[in-house]
Amino acid sequence: MANRVTKDTIIMDALRMNEGTAKFFLEIGMHCLGCPSASGESIAEACAVHGEDADALVERINAFLAENE
């Protein structure tokens, strides 16, 4: 079964699925991927803080993960 993220996925878990997912977070201004927040913050929570659309980010990450299985 493919790796997939949801809005509830912790950022660090997404990064562990594939390090390439980092680019999607960096592109929308989430530059602190190594900070404690990345270890405990969900994609939805981070998007809320950064004023981004969590559904759009999840869709982009899942498309990337599917392409890179």
N, C-alpha and C. Protein backbone atom coordinates (compact mmCIF):
# COMPACT_ATOMS: atom_id res chain seq x y z
N MET A 1 0.83 -1.18 0.00
CA MET A 1 0.00 0.00 0.00
C MET A 1 0.88 1.25 0.00
N ALA A 2 0.46 2.24 -0.74
CA ALA A 2 1.24 3.46 -0.89
C ALA A 2 1.22 4.29 0.38
N ASN A 3 2.31 5.02 0.58
CA ASN A 3 2.34 6.00 1.65
C ASN A 3 1.43 7.14 1.25
N ARG A 4 0.62 7.59 2.19
CA ARG A 4 -0.28 8.72 1.95
C ARG A 4 -0.32 9.57 3.21
N VAL A 5 -0.50 10.85 3.00
CA VAL A 5 -0.66 11.75 4.14
C VAL A 5 -2.09 12.26 4.17
N THR A 6 -2.48 12.73 5.34
CA THR A 6 -3.76 13.42 5.53
C THR A 6 -3.44 14.74 6.22
N LYS A 7 -4.45 15.54 6.43
CA LYS A 7 -4.24 16.80 7.15
C LYS A 7 -3.79 16.55 8.58
N ASP A 8 -4.08 15.36 9.11
CA ASP A 8 -3.70 15.03 10.48
C ASP A 8 -2.30 14.44 10.59
N THR A 9 -1.65 14.20 9.46
CA THR A 9 -0.30 13.63 9.48
C THR A 9 0.67 14.64 10.10
N ILE A 10 1.51 14.14 10.98
CA ILE A 10 2.55 14.98 11.59
C ILE A 10 3.60 15.25 10.52
N ILE A 11 4.08 16.48 10.46
CA ILE A 11 5.04 16.86 9.42
C ILE A 11 6.24 15.92 9.40
N MET A 12 6.79 15.59 10.54
CA MET A 12 7.97 14.72 10.60
C MET A 12 7.66 13.34 10.01
N ASP A 13 6.44 12.86 10.20
CA ASP A 13 6.05 11.57 9.63
C ASP A 13 6.04 11.64 8.11
N ALA A 14 5.58 12.75 7.56
CA ALA A 14 5.61 12.93 6.10
C ALA A 14 7.04 12.94 5.59
N LEU A 15 7.91 13.60 6.31
CA LEU A 15 9.32 13.65 5.92
C LEU A 15 9.96 12.27 6.00
N ARG A 16 9.55 11.48 6.96
CA ARG A 16 10.09 10.11 7.08
C ARG A 16 9.61 9.22 5.95
N MET A 17 8.40 9.48 5.43
CA MET A 17 7.89 8.69 4.30
C MET A 17 8.78 8.88 3.08
N ASN A 18 9.20 10.13 2.86
CA ASN A 18 10.08 10.44 1.74
C ASN A 18 10.65 11.83 2.00
N GLU A 19 11.98 11.92 2.09
CA GLU A 19 12.62 13.20 2.37
C GLU A 19 12.28 14.25 1.32
N GLY A 20 11.91 13.82 0.13
CA GLY A 20 11.56 14.74 -0.94
C GLY A 20 10.34 15.58 -0.64
N THR A 21 9.55 15.16 0.34
CA THR A 21 8.36 15.95 0.70
C THR A 21 8.76 17.30 1.30
N ALA A 22 9.99 17.42 1.75
CA ALA A 22 10.45 18.67 2.37
C ALA A 22 10.24 19.87 1.44
N LYS A 23 10.44 19.67 0.14
CA LYS A 23 10.33 20.79 -0.79
C LYS A 23 8.94 21.43 -0.76
N PHE A 24 7.91 20.63 -0.52
CA PHE A 24 6.55 21.18 -0.50
C PHE A 24 6.33 22.08 0.72
N PHE A 25 6.93 21.69 1.83
CA PHE A 25 6.82 22.51 3.03
C PHE A 25 7.66 23.78 2.88
N LEU A 26 8.84 23.64 2.33
CA LEU A 26 9.71 24.80 2.14
C LEU A 26 9.09 25.81 1.18
N GLU A 27 8.45 25.33 0.12
CA GLU A 27 7.84 26.21 -0.88
C GLU A 27 6.76 27.11 -0.29
N ILE A 28 6.11 26.68 0.76
CA ILE A 28 5.04 27.50 1.33
C ILE A 28 5.48 28.21 2.62
N GLY A 29 6.79 28.23 2.85
CA GLY A 29 7.32 29.02 3.96
C GLY A 29 7.54 28.28 5.26
N MET A 30 7.40 26.97 5.23
CA MET A 30 7.67 26.17 6.44
C MET A 30 9.15 25.78 6.42
N HIS A 31 9.98 26.69 6.92
CA HIS A 31 11.42 26.50 6.84
C HIS A 31 12.02 25.81 8.06
N CYS A 32 11.24 25.58 9.06
CA CYS A 32 11.77 25.03 10.31
C CYS A 32 11.44 23.54 10.41
N LEU A 33 11.83 22.78 9.41
CA LEU A 33 11.46 21.36 9.39
C LEU A 33 12.18 20.53 10.45
N GLY A 34 13.26 21.03 10.97
CA GLY A 34 13.98 20.30 12.00
C GLY A 34 13.63 20.74 13.41
N CYS A 35 12.75 21.72 13.53
CA CYS A 35 12.41 22.24 14.85
C CYS A 35 11.41 21.34 15.56
N PRO A 36 11.24 21.51 16.85
CA PRO A 36 10.31 20.67 17.60
C PRO A 36 8.88 20.70 17.06
N SER A 37 8.47 21.81 16.47
CA SER A 37 7.10 21.89 15.94
C SER A 37 6.87 20.84 14.86
N ALA A 38 7.87 20.57 14.04
CA ALA A 38 7.71 19.59 12.96
C ALA A 38 7.49 18.20 13.52
N SER A 39 7.96 17.97 14.72
CA SER A 39 7.79 16.65 15.33
C SER A 39 6.43 16.47 15.99
N GLY A 40 5.71 17.55 16.20
CA GLY A 40 4.44 17.43 16.89
C GLY A 40 3.28 18.14 16.22
N GLU A 41 3.55 18.81 15.12
CA GLU A 41 2.51 19.61 14.47
C GLU A 41 2.00 18.88 13.22
N SER A 42 0.69 18.87 13.07
CA SER A 42 0.10 18.24 11.89
C SER A 42 0.22 19.18 10.69
N ILE A 43 0.01 18.61 9.51
CA ILE A 43 0.00 19.42 8.30
C ILE A 43 -1.07 20.51 8.42
N ALA A 44 -2.25 20.15 8.91
CA ALA A 44 -3.34 21.14 9.05
C ALA A 44 -2.95 22.26 10.00
N GLU A 45 -2.34 21.92 11.13
CA GLU A 45 -1.94 22.94 12.10
C GLU A 45 -0.89 23.88 11.51
N ALA A 46 0.08 23.30 10.82
CA ALA A 46 1.13 24.12 10.22
C ALA A 46 0.56 25.02 9.13
N CYS A 47 -0.34 24.50 8.32
CA CYS A 47 -0.96 25.30 7.26
C CYS A 47 -1.77 26.45 7.86
N ALA A 48 -2.45 26.20 8.97
CA ALA A 48 -3.23 27.25 9.61
C ALA A 48 -2.31 28.39 10.07
N VAL A 49 -1.18 28.03 10.64
CA VAL A 49 -0.22 29.03 11.12
C VAL A 49 0.36 29.83 9.96
N HIS A 50 0.60 29.15 8.84
CA HIS A 50 1.24 29.78 7.69
C HIS A 50 0.26 30.32 6.66
N GLY A 51 -1.05 30.22 6.95
CA GLY A 51 -2.05 30.74 6.04
C GLY A 51 -2.12 30.01 4.71
N GLU A 52 -1.91 28.70 4.75
CA GLU A 52 -1.92 27.89 3.53
C GLU A 52 -3.10 26.94 3.52
N ASP A 53 -3.44 26.43 2.35
CA ASP A 53 -4.54 25.49 2.16
C ASP A 53 -4.04 24.06 2.42
N ALA A 54 -4.47 23.47 3.52
CA ALA A 54 -4.01 22.13 3.89
C ALA A 54 -4.43 21.09 2.87
N ASP A 55 -5.65 21.19 2.34
CA ASP A 55 -6.11 20.22 1.36
C ASP A 55 -5.24 20.23 0.12
N ALA A 56 -4.88 21.41 -0.35
CA ALA A 56 -4.03 21.53 -1.54
C ALA A 56 -2.65 20.95 -1.27
N LEU A 57 -2.10 21.21 -0.10
CA LEU A 57 -0.78 20.69 0.24
C LEU A 57 -0.81 19.17 0.33
N VAL A 58 -1.81 18.61 0.98
CA VAL A 58 -1.95 17.16 1.09
C VAL A 58 -2.04 16.53 -0.30
N GLU A 59 -2.81 17.15 -1.18
CA GLU A 59 -2.95 16.63 -2.54
C GLU A 59 -1.61 16.61 -3.28
N ARG A 60 -0.87 17.68 -3.16
CA ARG A 60 0.45 17.75 -3.82
C ARG A 60 1.42 16.72 -3.25
N ILE A 61 1.44 16.58 -1.94
CA ILE A 61 2.35 15.61 -1.32
C ILE A 61 1.97 14.20 -1.72
N ASN A 62 0.69 13.88 -1.69
CA ASN A 62 0.27 12.52 -2.06
C ASN A 62 0.56 12.21 -3.52
N ALA A 63 0.43 13.18 -4.41
CA ALA A 63 0.79 12.97 -5.81
C ALA A 63 2.28 12.67 -5.93
N PHE A 64 3.09 13.41 -5.19
CA PHE A 64 4.54 13.17 -5.17
C PHE A 64 4.85 11.78 -4.64
N LEU A 65 4.24 11.41 -3.53
CA LEU A 65 4.49 10.09 -2.94
C LEU A 65 4.11 8.97 -3.90
N ALA A 66 2.98 9.13 -4.60
CA ALA A 66 2.53 8.11 -5.55
C ALA A 66 3.52 7.97 -6.70
N GLU A 67 4.08 9.07 -7.15
CA GLU A 67 5.05 9.06 -8.25
C GLU A 67 6.38 8.46 -7.83
N ASN A 68 6.68 8.48 -6.56
CA ASN A 68 8.01 8.08 -6.07
C ASN A 68 7.97 6.83 -5.20
N GLU A 69 7.02 5.95 -5.46
CA GLU A 69 6.94 4.71 -4.68
C GLU A 69 8.05 3.78 -5.10
